[in-house]
N, C-alpha and C. Protein backbone atom coordinates (compact mmCIF):
# COMPACT_ATOMS: atom_id res chain seq x y z
N MET A 1 -49.24 34.92 43.55
CA MET A 1 -48.85 36.21 42.98
C MET A 1 -47.93 36.93 43.96
N SER A 2 -46.83 37.48 43.46
CA SER A 2 -45.88 38.15 44.35
C SER A 2 -46.42 39.49 44.78
N ASP A 3 -45.82 40.04 45.86
CA ASP A 3 -46.22 41.36 46.34
C ASP A 3 -46.05 42.40 45.25
N LYS A 4 -44.96 42.29 44.48
CA LYS A 4 -44.71 43.24 43.40
C LYS A 4 -45.83 43.20 42.37
N ASN A 5 -46.24 41.99 41.98
CA ASN A 5 -47.33 41.86 41.01
C ASN A 5 -48.64 42.40 41.56
N GLN A 6 -48.88 42.17 42.84
CA GLN A 6 -50.12 42.67 43.46
C GLN A 6 -50.15 44.19 43.46
N LEU A 7 -49.01 44.81 43.76
CA LEU A 7 -48.95 46.28 43.75
C LEU A 7 -49.17 46.83 42.35
N GLN A 8 -48.56 46.17 41.37
CA GLN A 8 -48.72 46.63 40.00
C GLN A 8 -50.17 46.51 39.54
N GLU A 9 -50.82 45.42 39.93
CA GLU A 9 -52.22 45.23 39.53
C GLU A 9 -53.14 46.21 40.26
N LEU A 10 -52.79 46.54 41.50
CA LEU A 10 -53.56 47.55 42.24
C LEU A 10 -53.52 48.89 41.51
N ILE A 11 -52.33 49.27 41.05
CA ILE A 11 -52.16 50.53 40.32
C ILE A 11 -52.94 50.48 39.01
N ALA A 12 -52.79 49.38 38.28
CA ALA A 12 -53.46 49.24 36.97
C ALA A 12 -54.98 49.26 37.12
N LYS A 13 -55.49 48.60 38.15
CA LYS A 13 -56.94 48.55 38.37
C LYS A 13 -57.49 49.94 38.66
N ARG A 14 -56.72 50.73 39.43
CA ARG A 14 -57.18 52.10 39.72
C ARG A 14 -57.15 52.96 38.44
N ALA A 15 -56.13 52.75 37.61
CA ALA A 15 -56.06 53.50 36.35
C ALA A 15 -57.23 53.16 35.44
N ALA A 16 -57.63 51.89 35.45
CA ALA A 16 -58.75 51.46 34.61
C ALA A 16 -60.04 52.21 34.93
N GLN A 17 -60.18 52.64 36.18
CA GLN A 17 -61.38 53.38 36.59
C GLN A 17 -61.48 54.75 35.89
N GLU A 18 -60.37 55.22 35.32
CA GLU A 18 -60.37 56.51 34.64
C GLU A 18 -60.82 56.41 33.18
N LEU A 19 -61.06 55.19 32.70
CA LEU A 19 -61.37 54.99 31.29
C LEU A 19 -62.85 54.71 31.08
N THR A 20 -63.52 55.59 30.39
CA THR A 20 -64.92 55.43 30.06
C THR A 20 -65.09 55.59 28.56
N GLY A 21 -65.64 54.56 27.91
CA GLY A 21 -65.79 54.61 26.46
C GLY A 21 -66.95 55.50 26.02
N PRO A 22 -67.00 55.85 24.74
CA PRO A 22 -66.02 55.45 23.73
C PRO A 22 -64.75 56.28 23.81
N CYS A 23 -63.60 55.62 23.77
CA CYS A 23 -62.34 56.32 23.77
C CYS A 23 -61.24 55.44 23.19
N VAL A 24 -60.21 56.09 22.70
CA VAL A 24 -59.01 55.42 22.18
C VAL A 24 -57.90 55.61 23.21
N VAL A 25 -57.30 54.50 23.62
CA VAL A 25 -56.33 54.53 24.72
C VAL A 25 -55.03 53.87 24.27
N ASN A 26 -53.91 54.54 24.55
CA ASN A 26 -52.60 53.95 24.28
C ASN A 26 -51.96 53.56 25.61
N LEU A 27 -51.51 52.32 25.70
CA LEU A 27 -50.89 51.82 26.93
C LEU A 27 -49.38 51.69 26.74
N GLY A 28 -48.62 52.31 27.62
CA GLY A 28 -47.17 52.21 27.58
C GLY A 28 -46.69 50.86 28.09
N ILE A 29 -45.38 50.71 28.14
CA ILE A 29 -44.75 49.45 28.56
C ILE A 29 -44.78 49.34 30.09
N GLY A 30 -44.89 48.11 30.60
CA GLY A 30 -44.84 47.88 32.05
C GLY A 30 -46.23 47.87 32.66
N ILE A 31 -46.40 48.56 33.78
CA ILE A 31 -47.69 48.58 34.50
C ILE A 31 -48.85 48.96 33.57
N PRO A 32 -48.69 49.95 32.66
CA PRO A 32 -49.84 50.30 31.81
C PRO A 32 -50.44 49.12 31.04
N THR A 33 -49.61 48.15 30.64
CA THR A 33 -50.16 47.02 29.86
C THR A 33 -51.16 46.20 30.67
N LEU A 34 -51.07 46.28 32.00
CA LEU A 34 -51.98 45.51 32.85
C LEU A 34 -53.38 46.12 32.92
N VAL A 35 -53.50 47.38 32.52
CA VAL A 35 -54.79 48.08 32.64
C VAL A 35 -55.88 47.37 31.85
N ALA A 36 -55.52 46.82 30.69
CA ALA A 36 -56.51 46.17 29.82
C ALA A 36 -57.24 45.02 30.52
N LYS A 37 -56.57 44.38 31.49
CA LYS A 37 -57.19 43.26 32.21
C LYS A 37 -58.45 43.68 32.97
N PHE A 38 -58.53 44.97 33.30
CA PHE A 38 -59.60 45.45 34.17
C PHE A 38 -60.65 46.27 33.41
N ILE A 39 -60.63 46.18 32.09
CA ILE A 39 -61.59 46.92 31.27
C ILE A 39 -62.60 45.94 30.66
N GLU A 40 -63.87 46.17 30.92
CA GLU A 40 -64.93 45.35 30.33
C GLU A 40 -65.73 46.11 29.28
N ASP A 41 -65.56 47.42 29.23
CA ASP A 41 -66.29 48.26 28.29
C ASP A 41 -65.76 48.02 26.87
N PRO A 42 -66.59 47.48 25.96
CA PRO A 42 -66.11 47.18 24.61
C PRO A 42 -65.84 48.43 23.77
N THR A 43 -66.21 49.61 24.29
CA THR A 43 -65.97 50.84 23.52
C THR A 43 -64.70 51.56 23.99
N VAL A 44 -63.90 50.88 24.83
CA VAL A 44 -62.54 51.37 25.13
C VAL A 44 -61.62 50.63 24.17
N TYR A 45 -61.08 51.37 23.21
CA TYR A 45 -60.29 50.76 22.14
C TYR A 45 -58.80 51.01 22.40
N PHE A 46 -58.02 49.95 22.46
CA PHE A 46 -56.60 50.09 22.74
C PHE A 46 -55.78 50.21 21.45
N HIS A 47 -54.87 51.16 21.47
CA HIS A 47 -54.04 51.52 20.32
C HIS A 47 -52.58 51.25 20.65
N THR A 48 -51.82 50.77 19.66
CA THR A 48 -50.38 50.60 19.85
C THR A 48 -49.63 51.29 18.71
N GLU A 49 -48.50 51.92 19.05
CA GLU A 49 -47.78 52.76 18.09
C GLU A 49 -47.33 52.02 16.84
N ASN A 50 -47.13 50.70 16.95
CA ASN A 50 -46.64 49.98 15.79
C ASN A 50 -47.76 49.58 14.81
N GLY A 51 -49.00 50.03 15.08
CA GLY A 51 -50.00 49.93 14.02
C GLY A 51 -51.21 49.05 14.21
N LEU A 52 -51.80 49.05 15.40
CA LEU A 52 -53.02 48.28 15.63
C LEU A 52 -53.96 49.07 16.54
N LEU A 53 -55.20 49.20 16.11
CA LEU A 53 -56.27 49.76 16.93
C LEU A 53 -57.28 48.65 17.16
N GLY A 54 -57.45 48.27 18.44
CA GLY A 54 -58.28 47.12 18.78
C GLY A 54 -57.42 46.01 19.37
N VAL A 55 -56.46 46.42 20.20
CA VAL A 55 -55.57 45.45 20.85
C VAL A 55 -56.36 44.68 21.90
N ALA A 56 -56.11 43.37 21.98
CA ALA A 56 -56.77 42.53 22.98
C ALA A 56 -55.74 41.60 23.61
N GLU A 57 -56.09 41.04 24.76
CA GLU A 57 -55.23 40.02 25.36
C GLU A 57 -55.30 38.76 24.51
N VAL A 58 -54.27 37.92 24.61
CA VAL A 58 -54.23 36.71 23.80
C VAL A 58 -53.83 35.52 24.67
N GLU A 59 -54.54 34.40 24.47
CA GLU A 59 -54.19 33.18 25.18
C GLU A 59 -52.89 32.61 24.62
N GLU A 60 -52.15 31.89 25.48
CA GLU A 60 -50.83 31.39 25.07
C GLU A 60 -50.90 30.51 23.83
N ASP A 61 -51.94 29.70 23.73
CA ASP A 61 -52.02 28.79 22.57
C ASP A 61 -52.53 29.49 21.30
N GLN A 62 -52.87 30.79 21.42
CA GLN A 62 -53.36 31.55 20.27
C GLN A 62 -52.34 32.57 19.76
N ILE A 63 -51.14 32.59 20.35
CA ILE A 63 -50.16 33.63 20.02
C ILE A 63 -49.72 33.53 18.56
N ASP A 64 -49.75 34.69 17.90
CA ASP A 64 -49.19 34.84 16.55
C ASP A 64 -47.89 35.63 16.72
N PRO A 65 -46.72 35.05 16.40
CA PRO A 65 -45.45 35.74 16.63
C PRO A 65 -45.31 37.04 15.84
N ASN A 66 -46.13 37.21 14.82
CA ASN A 66 -46.08 38.45 14.03
C ASN A 66 -47.00 39.54 14.59
N LEU A 67 -47.77 39.21 15.62
CA LEU A 67 -48.72 40.17 16.16
C LEU A 67 -48.28 40.57 17.57
N VAL A 68 -47.62 41.72 17.66
CA VAL A 68 -47.06 42.19 18.93
C VAL A 68 -47.39 43.67 19.11
N ASN A 69 -47.27 44.13 20.36
CA ASN A 69 -47.44 45.55 20.62
C ASN A 69 -46.10 46.27 20.50
N ALA A 70 -46.08 47.56 20.85
CA ALA A 70 -44.85 48.35 20.69
C ALA A 70 -43.73 47.87 21.61
N GLY A 71 -44.09 47.14 22.67
CA GLY A 71 -43.09 46.60 23.58
C GLY A 71 -42.67 45.18 23.21
N LYS A 72 -43.06 44.73 22.01
CA LYS A 72 -42.71 43.40 21.48
C LYS A 72 -43.39 42.26 22.24
N MET A 73 -44.48 42.58 22.96
CA MET A 73 -45.23 41.55 23.68
C MET A 73 -46.38 41.04 22.80
N PRO A 74 -46.66 39.73 22.82
CA PRO A 74 -47.75 39.19 22.00
C PRO A 74 -49.10 39.79 22.40
N VAL A 75 -49.91 40.09 21.41
CA VAL A 75 -51.26 40.62 21.65
C VAL A 75 -52.25 39.92 20.73
N GLY A 76 -53.53 40.11 21.05
CA GLY A 76 -54.59 39.65 20.19
C GLY A 76 -55.28 40.84 19.55
N GLU A 77 -56.35 40.57 18.81
CA GLU A 77 -57.09 41.64 18.14
C GLU A 77 -58.58 41.47 18.41
N THR A 78 -59.26 42.58 18.60
CA THR A 78 -60.70 42.55 18.80
C THR A 78 -61.41 42.42 17.46
N VAL A 79 -62.69 42.07 17.50
CA VAL A 79 -63.50 42.07 16.28
C VAL A 79 -63.56 43.51 15.77
N GLY A 80 -63.28 43.69 14.49
CA GLY A 80 -63.30 45.03 13.90
C GLY A 80 -62.01 45.80 14.06
N ALA A 81 -60.95 45.15 14.58
CA ALA A 81 -59.65 45.82 14.74
C ALA A 81 -59.13 46.28 13.38
N SER A 82 -58.30 47.32 13.42
CA SER A 82 -57.71 47.80 12.17
C SER A 82 -56.20 47.88 12.28
N PHE A 83 -55.53 47.63 11.15
CA PHE A 83 -54.07 47.66 11.08
C PHE A 83 -53.63 48.81 10.17
N PHE A 84 -52.48 49.39 10.48
CA PHE A 84 -51.96 50.50 9.69
C PHE A 84 -50.46 50.56 9.92
N ASN A 85 -49.77 51.36 9.12
CA ASN A 85 -48.32 51.43 9.30
C ASN A 85 -47.96 52.40 10.42
N SER A 86 -46.70 52.38 10.79
CA SER A 86 -46.25 53.17 11.93
C SER A 86 -46.43 54.67 11.68
N ALA A 87 -46.21 55.11 10.46
CA ALA A 87 -46.37 56.54 10.15
C ALA A 87 -47.82 56.98 10.38
N GLU A 88 -48.77 56.15 9.94
CA GLU A 88 -50.18 56.49 10.15
C GLU A 88 -50.53 56.46 11.63
N SER A 89 -49.93 55.51 12.36
CA SER A 89 -50.17 55.41 13.80
C SER A 89 -49.72 56.68 14.52
N PHE A 90 -48.54 57.16 14.15
CA PHE A 90 -48.04 58.38 14.80
C PHE A 90 -48.82 59.61 14.34
N ALA A 91 -49.35 59.57 13.12
CA ALA A 91 -50.20 60.66 12.66
C ALA A 91 -51.48 60.72 13.50
N MET A 92 -52.00 59.55 13.89
CA MET A 92 -53.17 59.51 14.77
C MET A 92 -52.85 60.17 16.12
N ILE A 93 -51.66 59.83 16.65
CA ILE A 93 -51.26 60.39 17.95
C ILE A 93 -51.07 61.90 17.84
N ARG A 94 -50.28 62.31 16.86
CA ARG A 94 -49.95 63.73 16.72
C ARG A 94 -51.16 64.56 16.32
N GLY A 95 -52.13 63.90 15.68
CA GLY A 95 -53.34 64.61 15.25
C GLY A 95 -54.40 64.73 16.33
N GLY A 96 -54.12 64.24 17.53
CA GLY A 96 -55.06 64.38 18.64
C GLY A 96 -56.17 63.35 18.66
N HIS A 97 -55.93 62.18 18.04
CA HIS A 97 -56.98 61.16 17.97
C HIS A 97 -56.86 60.09 19.05
N VAL A 98 -55.87 60.22 19.94
CA VAL A 98 -55.76 59.34 21.10
C VAL A 98 -56.31 60.10 22.31
N ASP A 99 -57.33 59.53 22.92
CA ASP A 99 -57.99 60.23 24.04
C ASP A 99 -57.17 60.17 25.32
N VAL A 100 -56.61 59.00 25.61
CA VAL A 100 -55.87 58.82 26.87
C VAL A 100 -54.60 58.02 26.59
N ALA A 101 -53.49 58.48 27.15
CA ALA A 101 -52.25 57.70 27.14
C ALA A 101 -51.91 57.37 28.59
N ILE A 102 -51.59 56.11 28.84
CA ILE A 102 -51.17 55.69 30.18
C ILE A 102 -49.71 55.26 30.07
N LEU A 103 -48.85 55.96 30.79
CA LEU A 103 -47.40 55.78 30.65
C LEU A 103 -46.75 55.36 31.96
N GLY A 104 -45.69 54.58 31.86
CA GLY A 104 -44.82 54.33 32.99
C GLY A 104 -43.74 55.41 33.03
N VAL A 105 -43.10 55.58 34.17
CA VAL A 105 -42.05 56.60 34.28
C VAL A 105 -40.88 56.10 35.12
N LEU A 106 -39.75 56.75 34.92
CA LEU A 106 -38.61 56.59 35.82
C LEU A 106 -38.70 57.62 36.93
N GLN A 107 -39.15 58.84 36.56
CA GLN A 107 -39.30 59.94 37.53
C GLN A 107 -40.44 60.84 37.07
N VAL A 108 -41.06 61.53 38.02
CA VAL A 108 -42.03 62.58 37.70
C VAL A 108 -41.82 63.70 38.72
N ASP A 109 -41.90 64.95 38.26
CA ASP A 109 -41.65 66.04 39.21
C ASP A 109 -42.94 66.70 39.66
N GLN A 110 -42.80 67.67 40.55
CA GLN A 110 -43.99 68.25 41.19
C GLN A 110 -44.79 69.17 40.27
N THR A 111 -44.28 69.42 39.04
CA THR A 111 -45.07 70.16 38.06
C THR A 111 -45.73 69.22 37.05
N GLY A 112 -45.46 67.89 37.19
CA GLY A 112 -46.07 66.92 36.29
C GLY A 112 -45.23 66.57 35.09
N GLN A 113 -43.99 67.10 35.00
CA GLN A 113 -43.11 66.69 33.91
C GLN A 113 -42.51 65.33 34.24
N ILE A 114 -42.33 64.50 33.20
CA ILE A 114 -41.85 63.14 33.45
C ILE A 114 -40.54 62.85 32.72
N ALA A 115 -39.81 61.88 33.27
CA ALA A 115 -38.63 61.32 32.61
C ALA A 115 -38.88 59.82 32.51
N ASN A 116 -38.91 59.30 31.28
CA ASN A 116 -39.21 57.87 31.15
C ASN A 116 -38.47 57.20 29.99
N TRP A 117 -37.42 57.85 29.49
CA TRP A 117 -36.80 57.27 28.30
C TRP A 117 -35.29 57.11 28.38
N ALA A 118 -34.62 57.73 29.33
CA ALA A 118 -33.15 57.64 29.36
C ALA A 118 -32.63 57.74 30.78
N VAL A 119 -31.64 56.90 31.07
CA VAL A 119 -30.88 56.98 32.31
C VAL A 119 -29.43 57.23 31.91
N PRO A 120 -28.86 58.36 32.30
CA PRO A 120 -27.48 58.65 31.89
C PRO A 120 -26.54 57.48 32.21
N GLY A 121 -25.79 57.04 31.18
CA GLY A 121 -24.82 55.97 31.37
C GLY A 121 -25.38 54.57 31.24
N LYS A 122 -26.70 54.45 30.99
CA LYS A 122 -27.31 53.12 30.86
C LYS A 122 -28.02 52.98 29.53
N ASN A 123 -28.10 51.74 29.05
CA ASN A 123 -28.81 51.42 27.82
C ASN A 123 -30.22 50.97 28.16
N ILE A 124 -31.24 51.74 27.80
CA ILE A 124 -32.62 51.27 27.94
C ILE A 124 -33.34 51.47 26.61
N MET A 125 -34.60 51.09 26.54
CA MET A 125 -35.28 50.97 25.24
C MET A 125 -35.37 52.28 24.46
N GLY A 126 -35.36 53.41 25.12
CA GLY A 126 -35.46 54.67 24.39
C GLY A 126 -36.86 55.26 24.48
N VAL A 127 -37.06 56.35 23.76
CA VAL A 127 -38.26 57.16 23.96
C VAL A 127 -39.52 56.52 23.37
N GLY A 128 -39.38 55.70 22.32
CA GLY A 128 -40.58 55.11 21.72
C GLY A 128 -41.58 56.18 21.32
N GLY A 129 -42.86 55.97 21.68
CA GLY A 129 -43.88 56.95 21.32
C GLY A 129 -44.22 57.92 22.44
N ALA A 130 -43.50 57.83 23.56
CA ALA A 130 -43.89 58.62 24.74
C ALA A 130 -43.87 60.12 24.46
N MET A 131 -42.85 60.59 23.75
CA MET A 131 -42.75 62.02 23.46
C MET A 131 -43.95 62.50 22.65
N ASP A 132 -44.32 61.70 21.65
CA ASP A 132 -45.47 62.06 20.81
C ASP A 132 -46.78 61.97 21.59
N LEU A 133 -46.91 60.95 22.43
CA LEU A 133 -48.14 60.80 23.22
C LEU A 133 -48.31 61.95 24.20
N LEU A 134 -47.23 62.42 24.78
CA LEU A 134 -47.32 63.54 25.70
C LEU A 134 -47.80 64.81 24.99
N VAL A 135 -47.42 64.95 23.74
CA VAL A 135 -47.83 66.12 22.98
C VAL A 135 -49.24 65.96 22.42
N GLY A 136 -49.56 64.72 21.95
CA GLY A 136 -50.79 64.54 21.19
C GLY A 136 -51.99 64.00 21.93
N ALA A 137 -51.79 63.22 23.00
CA ALA A 137 -52.93 62.62 23.70
C ALA A 137 -53.69 63.69 24.49
N LYS A 138 -55.00 63.53 24.54
CA LYS A 138 -55.81 64.53 25.24
C LYS A 138 -55.62 64.48 26.75
N LYS A 139 -55.41 63.28 27.29
CA LYS A 139 -55.17 63.12 28.74
C LYS A 139 -54.04 62.12 28.92
N VAL A 140 -53.12 62.42 29.84
CA VAL A 140 -52.00 61.53 30.11
C VAL A 140 -52.01 61.13 31.58
N ILE A 141 -52.02 59.82 31.82
CA ILE A 141 -52.01 59.27 33.18
C ILE A 141 -50.70 58.51 33.36
N VAL A 142 -50.05 58.74 34.49
CA VAL A 142 -48.83 58.01 34.84
C VAL A 142 -49.19 56.91 35.83
N THR A 143 -48.69 55.69 35.58
CA THR A 143 -48.81 54.60 36.55
C THR A 143 -47.41 54.17 36.93
N THR A 144 -47.10 54.21 38.22
CA THR A 144 -45.73 53.91 38.65
C THR A 144 -45.73 53.49 40.12
N THR A 145 -44.72 52.71 40.49
CA THR A 145 -44.50 52.50 41.92
C THR A 145 -44.04 53.82 42.51
N HIS A 146 -44.34 54.04 43.77
CA HIS A 146 -44.05 55.33 44.41
C HIS A 146 -42.55 55.54 44.59
N THR A 147 -41.83 54.44 44.80
CA THR A 147 -40.39 54.52 45.02
C THR A 147 -39.66 53.58 44.06
N SER A 148 -38.37 53.83 43.87
CA SER A 148 -37.54 52.96 43.03
C SER A 148 -37.10 51.74 43.83
N LYS A 149 -36.36 50.84 43.18
CA LYS A 149 -35.93 49.61 43.86
C LYS A 149 -35.08 49.89 45.09
N ASP A 150 -34.35 51.00 45.07
CA ASP A 150 -33.51 51.33 46.23
C ASP A 150 -34.24 52.19 47.27
N GLY A 151 -35.57 52.31 47.10
CA GLY A 151 -36.38 52.99 48.11
C GLY A 151 -36.47 54.50 47.96
N LYS A 152 -35.89 55.06 46.90
CA LYS A 152 -35.94 56.51 46.71
C LYS A 152 -37.24 56.91 46.02
N SER A 153 -37.75 58.07 46.40
CA SER A 153 -39.00 58.56 45.82
C SER A 153 -38.85 58.78 44.32
N LYS A 154 -39.88 58.37 43.57
CA LYS A 154 -39.93 58.67 42.13
C LYS A 154 -40.64 59.99 41.86
N LEU A 155 -41.30 60.53 42.90
CA LEU A 155 -42.00 61.81 42.79
C LEU A 155 -41.08 62.88 43.37
N LEU A 156 -40.44 63.62 42.48
CA LEU A 156 -39.34 64.50 42.86
C LEU A 156 -39.73 65.98 42.72
N LYS A 157 -38.94 66.82 43.38
CA LYS A 157 -39.10 68.26 43.17
C LYS A 157 -38.76 68.61 41.72
N LYS A 158 -37.70 67.99 41.19
CA LYS A 158 -37.30 68.20 39.80
C LYS A 158 -36.65 66.91 39.28
N CYS A 159 -37.01 66.51 38.06
CA CYS A 159 -36.43 65.30 37.46
C CYS A 159 -34.92 65.48 37.30
N THR A 160 -34.18 64.43 37.62
CA THR A 160 -32.74 64.45 37.41
C THR A 160 -32.35 63.73 36.13
N PHE A 161 -33.25 62.92 35.57
CA PHE A 161 -33.03 62.28 34.28
C PHE A 161 -33.58 63.21 33.18
N PRO A 162 -33.17 63.00 31.92
CA PRO A 162 -33.70 63.83 30.82
C PRO A 162 -35.22 63.72 30.73
N ILE A 163 -35.90 64.87 30.65
CA ILE A 163 -37.37 64.83 30.60
C ILE A 163 -37.83 64.39 29.20
N THR A 164 -39.05 63.88 29.15
CA THR A 164 -39.59 63.34 27.91
C THR A 164 -40.26 64.43 27.08
N SER A 165 -40.90 65.39 27.75
CA SER A 165 -41.59 66.48 27.06
C SER A 165 -41.81 67.60 28.06
N THR A 166 -42.02 68.80 27.55
CA THR A 166 -42.33 69.92 28.46
C THR A 166 -43.79 69.92 28.87
N ARG A 167 -44.62 69.07 28.26
CA ARG A 167 -46.02 68.98 28.66
C ARG A 167 -46.14 68.20 29.97
N SER A 168 -46.91 68.70 30.90
CA SER A 168 -47.15 68.00 32.15
C SER A 168 -48.23 66.95 31.98
N VAL A 169 -48.13 65.88 32.76
CA VAL A 169 -49.18 64.86 32.74
C VAL A 169 -50.38 65.36 33.55
N ASP A 170 -51.48 64.62 33.47
CA ASP A 170 -52.71 65.04 34.14
C ASP A 170 -52.94 64.34 35.47
N MET A 171 -52.44 63.11 35.59
CA MET A 171 -52.71 62.31 36.78
C MET A 171 -51.57 61.35 37.03
N ILE A 172 -51.28 61.08 38.31
CA ILE A 172 -50.26 60.12 38.71
C ILE A 172 -50.92 59.12 39.66
N ILE A 173 -50.77 57.83 39.37
CA ILE A 173 -51.34 56.79 40.22
C ILE A 173 -50.21 55.87 40.68
N THR A 174 -50.04 55.75 42.00
CA THR A 174 -49.06 54.84 42.56
C THR A 174 -49.78 53.87 43.49
N GLU A 175 -49.02 52.95 44.11
CA GLU A 175 -49.63 52.03 45.06
C GLU A 175 -50.01 52.72 46.37
N LEU A 176 -49.57 53.97 46.54
CA LEU A 176 -49.87 54.71 47.78
C LEU A 176 -50.96 55.75 47.60
N ALA A 177 -51.01 56.39 46.43
CA ALA A 177 -51.90 57.55 46.30
C ALA A 177 -52.20 57.88 44.84
N VAL A 178 -53.19 58.76 44.68
CA VAL A 178 -53.54 59.30 43.37
C VAL A 178 -53.39 60.82 43.44
N PHE A 179 -52.68 61.37 42.46
CA PHE A 179 -52.47 62.82 42.39
C PHE A 179 -53.00 63.35 41.07
N GLU A 180 -53.52 64.58 41.09
CA GLU A 180 -53.82 65.31 39.87
C GLU A 180 -52.86 66.49 39.78
N ILE A 181 -52.58 66.92 38.57
CA ILE A 181 -51.74 68.10 38.38
C ILE A 181 -52.61 69.22 37.87
N THR A 182 -52.71 70.28 38.66
CA THR A 182 -53.47 71.46 38.26
C THR A 182 -52.61 72.69 38.51
N ASP A 183 -52.57 73.58 37.52
CA ASP A 183 -51.74 74.79 37.62
C ASP A 183 -50.30 74.46 38.00
N ASN A 184 -49.77 73.40 37.37
CA ASN A 184 -48.38 72.97 37.61
C ASN A 184 -48.10 72.61 39.06
N GLN A 185 -49.12 72.17 39.76
CA GLN A 185 -48.96 71.74 41.15
C GLN A 185 -49.53 70.34 41.34
N LEU A 186 -48.87 69.59 42.19
CA LEU A 186 -49.28 68.23 42.52
C LEU A 186 -50.35 68.30 43.61
N ARG A 187 -51.50 67.69 43.34
CA ARG A 187 -52.60 67.74 44.31
C ARG A 187 -53.00 66.31 44.67
N LEU A 188 -52.89 65.95 45.93
CA LEU A 188 -53.29 64.62 46.40
C LEU A 188 -54.81 64.55 46.44
N ILE A 189 -55.39 63.58 45.70
CA ILE A 189 -56.85 63.49 45.67
C ILE A 189 -57.37 62.19 46.30
N GLU A 190 -56.47 61.24 46.53
CA GLU A 190 -56.96 59.95 47.03
C GLU A 190 -55.80 59.14 47.62
N LEU A 191 -56.06 58.49 48.74
CA LEU A 191 -55.11 57.54 49.31
C LEU A 191 -55.55 56.13 48.91
N MET A 192 -54.61 55.27 48.60
CA MET A 192 -54.94 53.89 48.28
C MET A 192 -55.32 53.16 49.57
N PRO A 193 -55.97 52.00 49.47
CA PRO A 193 -56.44 51.29 50.67
C PRO A 193 -55.31 51.02 51.67
N ASP A 194 -55.61 51.28 52.95
CA ASP A 194 -54.70 50.99 54.07
C ASP A 194 -53.43 51.84 54.05
N VAL A 195 -53.45 52.95 53.32
CA VAL A 195 -52.28 53.85 53.27
C VAL A 195 -52.60 55.10 54.09
N THR A 196 -51.62 55.58 54.84
CA THR A 196 -51.81 56.79 55.65
C THR A 196 -51.15 57.98 54.96
N ILE A 197 -51.62 59.16 55.29
CA ILE A 197 -51.04 60.38 54.74
C ILE A 197 -49.59 60.52 55.19
N GLU A 198 -49.28 60.03 56.39
CA GLU A 198 -47.90 60.11 56.89
C GLU A 198 -46.95 59.30 56.00
N GLU A 199 -47.41 58.13 55.55
CA GLU A 199 -46.57 57.30 54.68
C GLU A 199 -46.33 58.00 53.34
N VAL A 200 -47.36 58.64 52.80
CA VAL A 200 -47.22 59.36 51.53
C VAL A 200 -46.23 60.52 51.70
N ARG A 201 -46.37 61.27 52.79
CA ARG A 201 -45.44 62.38 53.03
C ARG A 201 -44.01 61.88 53.13
N GLU A 202 -43.83 60.77 53.84
CA GLU A 202 -42.49 60.23 54.07
C GLU A 202 -41.82 59.78 52.78
N LYS A 203 -42.61 59.25 51.82
CA LYS A 203 -42.03 58.66 50.61
C LYS A 203 -42.14 59.56 49.38
N THR A 204 -42.52 60.81 49.59
CA THR A 204 -42.66 61.74 48.47
C THR A 204 -41.72 62.92 48.65
N GLU A 205 -40.75 63.03 47.73
CA GLU A 205 -39.85 64.18 47.79
C GLU A 205 -40.56 65.45 47.29
N ALA A 206 -41.41 65.31 46.29
CA ALA A 206 -42.10 66.45 45.69
C ALA A 206 -43.01 67.13 46.71
N ASP A 207 -43.17 68.41 46.54
CA ASP A 207 -44.17 69.15 47.31
C ASP A 207 -45.54 68.86 46.71
N PHE A 208 -46.54 68.69 47.56
CA PHE A 208 -47.89 68.46 47.04
C PHE A 208 -48.92 69.08 47.97
N ILE A 209 -50.08 69.39 47.40
CA ILE A 209 -51.19 69.97 48.16
C ILE A 209 -52.06 68.82 48.66
N GLU A 210 -52.37 68.83 49.94
CA GLU A 210 -53.22 67.78 50.50
C GLU A 210 -54.68 68.18 50.43
């Protein structure tokens, strides 16, 4: 396993600790999809915007090309899973029936606002369900590497990319630290294993309370 994969799994495993059933959880694209690997509680039900409640991992020889998540990745289904159309799926989100959304981001600022759908001048997948999840989910957790590929902090004083919603997220989990957002302020609540506070300070542009 590469260092990158190990870091991503470290973040996903920590996010999994925040999920206690019974609850309905929506996993975004990227690191969030790894969270399911670390959940053993059968009352944590995974939801995908394209119309499945009861998402499960699938073995390679069991893949059904017609059964995918919102990121077009193959998935399986749990016993008792239910299918519905996209409009009903978004009605569930907007109606407050998703307990937790776990999202990836391009940037997050010190008030908890995120940018995860557009990079000026570049073609990426687009907003998907993130805007709706930020408005409708009861709790929103961000899972992200602390810095971008070029080493710049993803935790900024203010997002420079278009923001996804004016609603702030509740928690940010990186390979270095865990933050909560309270009263529009970033609060450091935990250091990841073998990480020092000096390293977090050095790699975080955003102001935060220790």
